[in-house]
PDB file of all heavy atoms in Angstrom:
ATOM      1  N   TRP A   1       2.238   9.175   0.039  1.00  0.00           N
ATOM      2  CA  TRP A   1       3.445   9.714   0.642  1.00  0.00           C
ATOM      3  C   TRP A   1       4.646   9.425  -0.248  1.00  0.00           C
ATOM      4  O   TRP A   1       4.798   8.305  -0.749  1.00  0.00           O
ATOM      5  CB  TRP A   1       3.694   9.108   2.024  1.00  0.00           C
ATOM      6  CG  TRP A   1       2.724   9.556   3.066  1.00  0.00           C
ATOM      7  CD1 TRP A   1       1.572   8.949   3.441  1.00  0.00           C
ATOM      8  CD2 TRP A   1       2.845  10.730   3.875  1.00  0.00           C
ATOM      9  NE1 TRP A   1       0.950   9.664   4.442  1.00  0.00           N
ATOM     10  CE2 TRP A   1       1.712  10.764   4.725  1.00  0.00           C
ATOM     11  CE3 TRP A   1       3.780  11.748   3.973  1.00  0.00           C
ATOM     12  CZ2 TRP A   1       1.503  11.780   5.656  1.00  0.00           C
ATOM     13  CZ3 TRP A   1       3.577  12.764   4.890  1.00  0.00           C
ATOM     14  CH2 TRP A   1       2.453  12.771   5.719  1.00  0.00           C
ATOM     15  N   TYR A   2       5.470  10.434  -0.450  1.00  0.00           N
ATOM     16  CA  TYR A   2       6.736  10.318  -1.150  1.00  0.00           C
ATOM     17  C   TYR A   2       7.853  10.732  -0.211  1.00  0.00           C
ATOM     18  O   TYR A   2       7.615  11.393   0.797  1.00  0.00           O
ATOM     19  CB  TYR A   2       6.757  11.213  -2.392  1.00  0.00           C
ATOM     20  CG  TYR A   2       5.855  10.758  -3.516  1.00  0.00           C
ATOM     21  CD1 TYR A   2       4.473  10.856  -3.420  1.00  0.00           C
ATOM     22  CD2 TYR A   2       6.394  10.242  -4.699  1.00  0.00           C
ATOM     23  CE1 TYR A   2       3.649  10.447  -4.451  1.00  0.00           C
ATOM     24  CE2 TYR A   2       5.574   9.838  -5.738  1.00  0.00           C
ATOM     25  CZ  TYR A   2       4.211   9.944  -5.609  1.00  0.00           C
ATOM     26  OH  TYR A   2       3.391   9.546  -6.639  1.00  0.00           O
ATOM     27  N   ARG A   3       9.069  10.354  -0.557  1.00  0.00           N
ATOM     28  CA  ARG A   3      10.211  10.794   0.232  1.00  0.00           C
ATOM     29  C   ARG A   3      11.381  11.102  -0.687  1.00  0.00           C
ATOM     30  O   ARG A   3      11.496  10.558  -1.779  1.00  0.00           O
ATOM     31  CB  ARG A   3      10.614   9.748   1.276  1.00  0.00           C
ATOM     32  CG  ARG A   3      11.151   8.442   0.711  1.00  0.00           C
ATOM     33  CD  ARG A   3      11.372   7.442   1.832  1.00  0.00           C
ATOM     34  NE  ARG A   3      11.912   6.179   1.353  1.00  0.00           N
ATOM     35  CZ  ARG A   3      12.065   5.100   2.112  1.00  0.00           C
ATOM     36  NH1 ARG A   3      11.714   5.128   3.401  1.00  0.00           N
ATOM     37  NH2 ARG A   3      12.576   3.983   1.590  1.00  0.00           N
ATOM     38  N   GLN A   4      12.245  11.985  -0.217  1.00  0.00           N
ATOM     39  CA  GLN A   4      13.410  12.391  -0.985  1.00  0.00           C
ATOM     40  C   GLN A   4      14.601  12.578  -0.056  1.00  0.00           C
ATOM     41  O   GLN A   4      14.557  13.390   0.863  1.00  0.00           O
ATOM     42  CB  GLN A   4      13.129  13.677  -1.753  1.00  0.00           C
ATOM     43  CG  GLN A   4      14.240  14.097  -2.694  1.00  0.00           C
ATOM     44  CD  GLN A   4      13.824  15.249  -3.593  1.00  0.00           C
ATOM     45  OE1 GLN A   4      12.925  16.014  -3.264  1.00  0.00           O
ATOM     46  NE2 GLN A   4      14.472  15.366  -4.736  1.00  0.00           N
ATOM     47  N   ALA A   5      15.646  11.829  -0.315  1.00  0.00           N
ATOM     48  CA  ALA A   5      16.894  11.963   0.417  1.00  0.00           C
ATOM     49  C   ALA A   5      17.807  12.925  -0.338  1.00  0.00           C
ATOM     50  O   ALA A   5      17.648  13.117  -1.544  1.00  0.00           O
ATOM     51  CB  ALA A   5      17.568  10.603   0.583  1.00  0.00           C
ATOM     52  N   PRO A   6      18.771  13.540   0.347  1.00  0.00           N
ATOM     53  CA  PRO A   6      19.679  14.480  -0.323  1.00  0.00           C
ATOM     54  C   PRO A   6      20.375  13.863  -1.529  1.00  0.00           C
ATOM     55  O   PRO A   6      20.912  12.763  -1.446  1.00  0.00           O
ATOM     56  CB  PRO A   6      20.684  14.838   0.776  1.00  0.00           C
ATOM     57  CG  PRO A   6      19.923  14.643   2.042  1.00  0.00           C
ATOM     58  CD  PRO A   6      19.039  13.452   1.785  1.00  0.00           C
ATOM     59  N   GLY A   7      20.331  14.565  -2.648  1.00  0.00           N
ATOM     60  CA  GLY A   7      20.983  14.101  -3.855  1.00  0.00           C
ATOM     61  C   GLY A   7      20.252  13.015  -4.607  1.00  0.00           C
ATOM     62  O   GLY A   7      20.772  12.500  -5.606  1.00  0.00           O
ATOM     63  N   LYS A   8      19.062  12.645  -4.164  1.00  0.00           N
ATOM     64  CA  LYS A   8      18.301  11.590  -4.812  1.00  0.00           C
ATOM     65  C   LYS A   8      16.955  12.109  -5.308  1.00  0.00           C
ATOM     66  O   LYS A   8      16.479  13.163  -4.889  1.00  0.00           O
ATOM     67  CB  LYS A   8      18.076  10.421  -3.852  1.00  0.00           C
ATOM     68  CG  LYS A   8      19.352   9.731  -3.394  1.00  0.00           C
ATOM     69  CD  LYS A   8      19.045   8.540  -2.517  1.00  0.00           C
ATOM     70  CE  LYS A   8      20.315   7.825  -2.090  1.00  0.00           C
ATOM     71  NZ  LYS A   8      20.010   6.650  -1.226  1.00  0.00           N
ATOM     72  N   GLN A   9      16.369  11.350  -6.213  1.00  0.00           N
ATOM     73  CA  GLN A   9      15.056  11.695  -6.733  1.00  0.00           C
ATOM     74  C   GLN A   9      13.966  11.337  -5.735  1.00  0.00           C
ATOM     75  O   GLN A   9      14.124  10.434  -4.908  1.00  0.00           O
ATOM     76  CB  GLN A   9      14.805  10.970  -8.056  1.00  0.00           C
ATOM     77  CG  GLN A   9      15.723  11.402  -9.185  1.00  0.00           C
ATOM     78  CD  GLN A   9      15.471  12.825  -9.596  1.00  0.00           C
ATOM     79  OE1 GLN A   9      14.328  13.247  -9.770  1.00  0.00           O
ATOM     80  NE2 GLN A   9      16.540  13.593  -9.750  1.00  0.00           N
ATOM     81  N   ARG A  10      12.864  12.042  -5.822  1.00  0.00           N
ATOM     82  CA  ARG A  10      11.724  11.743  -4.990  1.00  0.00           C
ATOM     83  C   ARG A  10      11.131  10.391  -5.392  1.00  0.00           C
ATOM     84  O   ARG A  10      10.990  10.099  -6.578  1.00  0.00           O
ATOM     85  CB  ARG A  10      10.681  12.852  -5.125  1.00  0.00           C
ATOM     86  CG  ARG A  10       9.540  12.768  -4.144  1.00  0.00           C
ATOM     87  CD  ARG A  10       8.634  13.992  -4.261  1.00  0.00           C
ATOM     88  NE  ARG A  10       9.358  15.238  -4.016  1.00  0.00           N
ATOM     89  CZ  ARG A  10       8.772  16.430  -4.004  1.00  0.00           C
ATOM     90  NH1 ARG A  10       7.470  16.543  -4.215  1.00  0.00           N
ATOM     91  NH2 ARG A  10       9.506  17.512  -3.783  1.00  0.00           N
ATOM     92  N   GLU A  11      10.783   9.568  -4.408  1.00  0.00           N
ATOM     93  CA  GLU A  11      10.251   8.250  -4.683  1.00  0.00           C
ATOM     94  C   GLU A  11       8.957   8.010  -3.921  1.00  0.00           C
ATOM     95  O   GLU A  11       8.750   8.538  -2.826  1.00  0.00           O
ATOM     96  CB  GLU A  11      11.269   7.165  -4.316  1.00  0.00           C
ATOM     97  CG  GLU A  11      11.617   7.116  -2.834  1.00  0.00           C
ATOM     98  CD  GLU A  11      12.590   6.003  -2.495  1.00  0.00           C
ATOM     99  OE1 GLU A  11      13.000   5.256  -3.410  1.00  0.00           O
ATOM    100  OE2 GLU A  11      12.951   5.868  -1.308  1.00  0.00           O
ATOM    101  N   LEU A  12       8.101   7.197  -4.505  1.00  0.00           N
ATOM    102  CA  LEU A  12       6.832   6.851  -3.880  1.00  0.00           C
ATOM    103  C   LEU A  12       7.067   5.904  -2.717  1.00  0.00           C
ATOM    104  O   LEU A  12       7.780   4.909  -2.851  1.00  0.00           O
ATOM    105  CB  LEU A  12       5.896   6.207  -4.898  1.00  0.00           C
ATOM    106  CG  LEU A  12       4.560   5.685  -4.355  1.00  0.00           C
ATOM    107  CD1 LEU A  12       3.684   6.835  -3.885  1.00  0.00           C
ATOM    108  CD2 LEU A  12       3.834   4.862  -5.406  1.00  0.00           C
ATOM    109  N   VAL A  13       6.447   6.194  -1.584  1.00  0.00           N
ATOM    110  CA  VAL A  13       6.514   5.339  -0.408  1.00  0.00           C
ATOM    111  C   VAL A  13       5.254   4.495  -0.287  1.00  0.00           C
ATOM    112  O   VAL A  13       5.310   3.275  -0.140  1.00  0.00           O
ATOM    113  CB  VAL A  13       6.712   6.160   0.873  1.00  0.00           C
ATOM    114  CG1 VAL A  13       6.713   5.249   2.108  1.00  0.00           C
ATOM    115  CG2 VAL A  13       8.013   6.952   0.798  1.00  0.00           C
ATOM    116  N   ALA A  14       4.103   5.146  -0.332  1.00  0.00           N
ATOM    117  CA  ALA A  14       2.827   4.459  -0.196  1.00  0.00           C
ATOM    118  C   ALA A  14       1.713   5.327  -0.743  1.00  0.00           C
ATOM    119  O   ALA A  14       1.815   6.556  -0.759  1.00  0.00           O
ATOM    120  CB  ALA A  14       2.552   4.106   1.270  1.00  0.00           C
ATOM    121  N   SER A  15       0.644   4.690  -1.185  1.00  0.00           N
ATOM    122  CA  SER A  15      -0.533   5.401  -1.657  1.00  0.00           C
ATOM    123  C   SER A  15      -1.773   4.641  -1.229  1.00  0.00           C
ATOM    124  O   SER A  15      -1.705   3.452  -0.891  1.00  0.00           O
ATOM    125  CB  SER A  15      -0.506   5.575  -3.180  1.00  0.00           C
ATOM    126  OG  SER A  15      -0.555   4.322  -3.837  1.00  0.00           O
ATOM    127  N   ILE A  16      -2.899   5.331  -1.260  1.00  0.00           N
ATOM    128  CA  ILE A  16      -4.156   4.706  -0.868  1.00  0.00           C
ATOM    129  C   ILE A  16      -5.289   5.302  -1.682  1.00  0.00           C
ATOM    130  O   ILE A  16      -5.360   6.514  -1.889  1.00  0.00           O
ATOM    131  CB  ILE A  16      -4.404   4.863   0.652  1.00  0.00           C
ATOM    132  CG1 ILE A  16      -5.635   4.065   1.085  1.00  0.00           C
ATOM    133  CG2 ILE A  16      -4.508   6.330   1.044  1.00  0.00           C
ATOM    134  CD1 ILE A  16      -5.745   3.922   2.596  1.00  0.00           C
ATOM    135  N   THR A  17      -6.178   4.446  -2.163  1.00  0.00           N
ATOM    136  CA  THR A  17      -7.284   4.881  -2.990  1.00  0.00           C
ATOM    137  C   THR A  17      -8.462   5.312  -2.138  1.00  0.00           C
ATOM    138  O   THR A  17      -8.460   5.174  -0.910  1.00  0.00           O
ATOM    139  CB  THR A  17      -7.736   3.762  -3.938  1.00  0.00           C
ATOM    140  OG1 THR A  17      -8.341   2.707  -3.172  1.00  0.00           O
ATOM    141  CG2 THR A  17      -6.558   3.192  -4.720  1.00  0.00           C
ATOM    142  N   THR A  18      -9.506   5.802  -2.798  1.00  0.00           N
ATOM    143  CA  THR A  18     -10.715   6.213  -2.092  1.00  0.00           C
ATOM    144  C   THR A  18     -11.449   5.031  -1.481  1.00  0.00           C
ATOM    145  O   THR A  18     -12.259   5.212  -0.572  1.00  0.00           O
ATOM    146  CB  THR A  18     -11.666   6.966  -3.023  1.00  0.00           C
ATOM    147  OG1 THR A  18     -11.978   6.155  -4.160  1.00  0.00           O
ATOM    148  CG2 THR A  18     -11.027   8.268  -3.500  1.00  0.00           C
ATOM    149  N   THR A  19     -11.177   3.829  -1.974  1.00  0.00           N
ATOM    150  CA  THR A  19     -11.778   2.621  -1.427  1.00  0.00           C
ATOM    151  C   THR A  19     -10.839   1.902  -0.464  1.00  0.00           C
ATOM    152  O   THR A  19     -11.020   0.719  -0.170  1.00  0.00           O
ATOM    153  CB  THR A  19     -12.213   1.670  -2.549  1.00  0.00           C
ATOM    154  OG1 THR A  19     -11.111   1.407  -3.416  1.00  0.00           O
ATOM    155  CG2 THR A  19     -13.345   2.280  -3.352  1.00  0.00           C
ATOM    156  N   ASN A  20      -9.828   2.613   0.018  1.00  0.00           N
ATOM    157  CA  ASN A  20      -8.895   2.106   1.027  1.00  0.00           C
ATOM    158  C   ASN A  20      -8.038   0.945   0.541  1.00  0.00           C
ATOM    159  O   ASN A  20      -7.692   0.053   1.317  1.00  0.00           O
ATOM    160  CB  ASN A  20      -9.638   1.713   2.299  1.00  0.00           C
ATOM    161  CG  ASN A  20     -10.073   2.904   3.126  1.00  0.00           C
ATOM    162  OD1 ASN A  20      -9.554   4.006   2.964  1.00  0.00           O
ATOM    163  ND2 ASN A  20     -11.032   2.685   4.005  1.00  0.00           N
ATOM    164  N   ILE A  21      -7.683   0.967  -0.727  1.00  0.00           N
ATOM    165  CA  ILE A  21      -6.751  -0.017  -1.258  1.00  0.00           C
ATOM    166  C   ILE A  21      -5.351   0.579  -1.207  1.00  0.00           C
ATOM    167  O   ILE A  21      -5.064   1.560  -1.892  1.00  0.00           O
ATOM    168  CB  ILE A  21      -7.110  -0.420  -2.690  1.00  0.00           C
ATOM    169  CG1 ILE A  21      -8.508  -1.039  -2.726  1.00  0.00           C
ATOM    170  CG2 ILE A  21      -6.082  -1.402  -3.236  1.00  0.00           C
ATOM    171  CD1 ILE A  21      -9.001  -1.367  -4.111  1.00  0.00           C
ATOM    172  N   PRO A  22      -4.456   0.000  -0.398  1.00  0.00           N
ATOM    173  CA  PRO A  22      -3.110   0.565  -0.271  1.00  0.00           C
ATOM    174  C   PRO A  22      -2.119  -0.034  -1.251  1.00  0.00           C
ATOM    175  O   PRO A  22      -2.321  -1.140  -1.777  1.00  0.00           O
ATOM    176  CB  PRO A  22      -2.731   0.198   1.165  1.00  0.00           C
ATOM    177  CG  PRO A  22      -3.385  -1.139   1.365  1.00  0.00           C
ATOM    178  CD  PRO A  22      -4.676  -1.093   0.567  1.00  0.00           C
ATOM    179  N   ASP A  23      -1.057   0.689  -1.485  1.00  0.00           N
ATOM    180  CA  ASP A  23       0.051   0.215  -2.285  1.00  0.00           C
ATOM    181  C   ASP A  23       1.332   0.720  -1.638  1.00  0.00           C
ATOM    182  O   ASP A  23       1.386   1.870  -1.199  1.00  0.00           O
ATOM    183  CB  ASP A  23      -0.062   0.718  -3.724  1.00  0.00           C
ATOM    184  CG  ASP A  23       0.899   0.013  -4.664  1.00  0.00           C
ATOM    185  OD1 ASP A  23       1.364  -1.089  -4.338  1.00  0.00           O
ATOM    186  OD2 ASP A  23       1.176   0.568  -5.748  1.00  0.00           O
ATOM    187  N   TYR A  24       2.358  -0.141  -1.577  1.00  0.00           N
ATOM    188  CA  TYR A  24       3.587   0.208  -0.880  1.00  0.00           C
ATOM    189  C   TYR A  24       4.807  -0.061  -1.743  1.00  0.00           C
ATOM    190  O   TYR A  24       4.825  -0.992  -2.545  1.00  0.00           O
ATOM    191  CB  TYR A  24       3.732  -0.599   0.414  1.00  0.00           C
ATOM    192  CG  TYR A  24       2.634  -0.391   1.414  1.00  0.00           C
ATOM    193  CD1 TYR A  24       1.551  -1.260   1.486  1.00  0.00           C
ATOM    194  CD2 TYR A  24       2.688   0.680   2.304  1.00  0.00           C
ATOM    195  CE1 TYR A  24       0.541  -1.068   2.415  1.00  0.00           C
ATOM    196  CE2 TYR A  24       1.683   0.885   3.237  1.00  0.00           C
ATOM    197  CZ  TYR A  24       0.609  -0.001   3.289  1.00  0.00           C
ATOM    198  OH  TYR A  24      -0.391   0.199   4.218  1.00  0.00           O
ATOM    199  N   ALA A  25       5.818   0.757  -1.541  1.00  0.00           N
ATOM    200  CA  ALA A  25       7.113   0.464  -2.124  1.00  0.00           C
ATOM    201  C   ALA A  25       7.684  -0.784  -1.463  1.00  0.00           C
ATOM    202  O   ALA A  25       7.440  -1.045  -0.279  1.00  0.00           O
ATOM    203  CB  ALA A  25       8.067   1.640  -1.931  1.00  0.00           C
ATOM    204  N   ASP A  26       8.445  -1.561  -2.212  1.00  0.00           N
ATOM    205  CA  ASP A  26       8.999  -2.803  -1.678  1.00  0.00           C
ATOM    206  C   ASP A  26       9.835  -2.561  -0.422  1.00  0.00           C
ATOM    207  O   ASP A  26       9.843  -3.392   0.492  1.00  0.00           O
ATOM    208  CB  ASP A  26       9.851  -3.505  -2.733  1.00  0.00           C
ATOM    209  CG  ASP A  26       9.021  -4.092  -3.854  1.00  0.00           C
ATOM    210  OD1 ASP A  26       7.811  -4.302  -3.660  1.00  0.00           O
ATOM    211  OD2 ASP A  26       9.596  -4.351  -4.924  1.00  0.00           O
ATOM    212  N   ALA A  27      10.516  -1.442  -0.360  1.00  0.00           N
ATOM    213  CA  ALA A  27      11.410  -1.156   0.754  1.00  0.00           C
ATOM    214  C   ALA A  27      10.695  -0.973   2.084  1.00  0.00           C
ATOM    215  O   ALA A  27      11.323  -1.093   3.139  1.00  0.00           O
ATOM    216  CB  ALA A  27      12.251   0.079   0.449  1.00  0.00           C
ATOM    217  N   VAL A  28       9.389  -0.693   2.051  1.00  0.00           N
ATOM    218  CA  VAL A  28       8.665  -0.414   3.289  1.00  0.00           C
ATOM    219  C   VAL A  28       7.561  -1.414   3.575  1.00  0.00           C
ATOM    220  O   VAL A  28       6.901  -1.312   4.620  1.00  0.00           O
ATOM    221  CB  VAL A  28       8.079   1.015   3.290  1.00  0.00           C
ATOM    222  CG1 VAL A  28       9.168   2.035   3.004  1.00  0.00           C
ATOM    223  CG2 VAL A  28       6.946   1.137   2.276  1.00  0.00           C
ATOM    224  N   LYS A  29       7.351  -2.373   2.710  1.00  0.00           N
ATOM    225  CA  LYS A  29       6.301  -3.366   2.919  1.00  0.00           C
ATOM    226  C   LYS A  29       6.527  -4.134   4.217  1.00  0.00           C
ATOM    227  O   LYS A  29       7.628  -4.568   4.511  1.00  0.00           O
ATOM    228  CB  LYS A  29       6.244  -4.338   1.748  1.00  0.00           C
ATOM    229  CG  LYS A  29       5.654  -3.745   0.483  1.00  0.00           C
ATOM    230  CD  LYS A  29       5.587  -4.778  -0.638  1.00  0.00           C
ATOM    231  CE  LYS A  29       4.955  -4.189  -1.885  1.00  0.00           C
ATOM    232  NZ  LYS A  29       4.927  -5.159  -3.005  1.00  0.00           N
ATOM    233  N   GLY A  30       5.456  -4.274   4.990  1.00  0.00           N
ATOM    234  CA  GLY A  30       5.537  -4.962   6.260  1.00  0.00           C
ATOM    235  C   GLY A  30       5.945  -4.082   7.411  1.00  0.00           C
ATOM    236  O   GLY A  30       5.839  -4.497   8.574  1.00  0.00           O
ATOM    237  N   ARG A  31       6.405  -2.856   7.124  1.00  0.00           N
ATOM    238  CA  ARG A  31       6.840  -1.945   8.178  1.00  0.00           C
ATOM    239  C   ARG A  31       5.972  -0.694   8.266  1.00  0.00           C
ATOM    240  O   ARG A  31       5.753  -0.172   9.354  1.00  0.00           O
ATOM    241  CB  ARG A  31       8.295  -1.530   7.966  1.00  0.00           C
ATOM    242  CG  ARG A  31       9.277  -2.696   7.995  1.00  0.00           C
ATOM    243  CD  ARG A  31      10.715  -2.206   7.969  1.00  0.00           C
ATOM    244  NE  ARG A  31      11.030  -1.475   6.742  1.00  0.00           N
ATOM    245  CZ  ARG A  31      11.419  -0.205   6.706  1.00  0.00           C
ATOM    246  NH1 ARG A  31      11.541   0.479   7.841  1.00  0.00           N
ATOM    247  NH2 ARG A  31      11.703   0.377   5.547  1.00  0.00           N
ATOM    248  N   PHE A  32       5.521  -0.199   7.124  1.00  0.00           N
ATOM    249  CA  PHE A  32       4.716   1.022   7.070  1.00  0.00           C
ATOM    250  C   PHE A  32       3.261   0.685   6.779  1.00  0.00           C
ATOM    251  O   PHE A  32       2.960  -0.283   6.070  1.00  0.00           O
ATOM    252  CB  PHE A  32       5.224   1.964   5.978  1.00  0.00           C
ATOM    253  CG  PHE A  32       6.566   2.575   6.240  1.00  0.00           C
ATOM    254  CD1 PHE A  32       7.374   2.153   7.287  1.00  0.00           C
ATOM    255  CD2 PHE A  32       7.033   3.586   5.414  1.00  0.00           C
ATOM    256  CE1 PHE A  32       8.619   2.714   7.519  1.00  0.00           C
ATOM    257  CE2 PHE A  32       8.274   4.163   5.631  1.00  0.00           C
ATOM    258  CZ  PHE A  32       9.068   3.732   6.681  1.00  0.00           C
TER     259      PHE A  32
END
């Protein structure tokens, strides 16, 4: 998942591999 706010570049929010290994942006860790 990526997100883009008005006037800003698209940024990575979270990703997940085929083996269910997740990765999160620092801004959303613990919440998403």
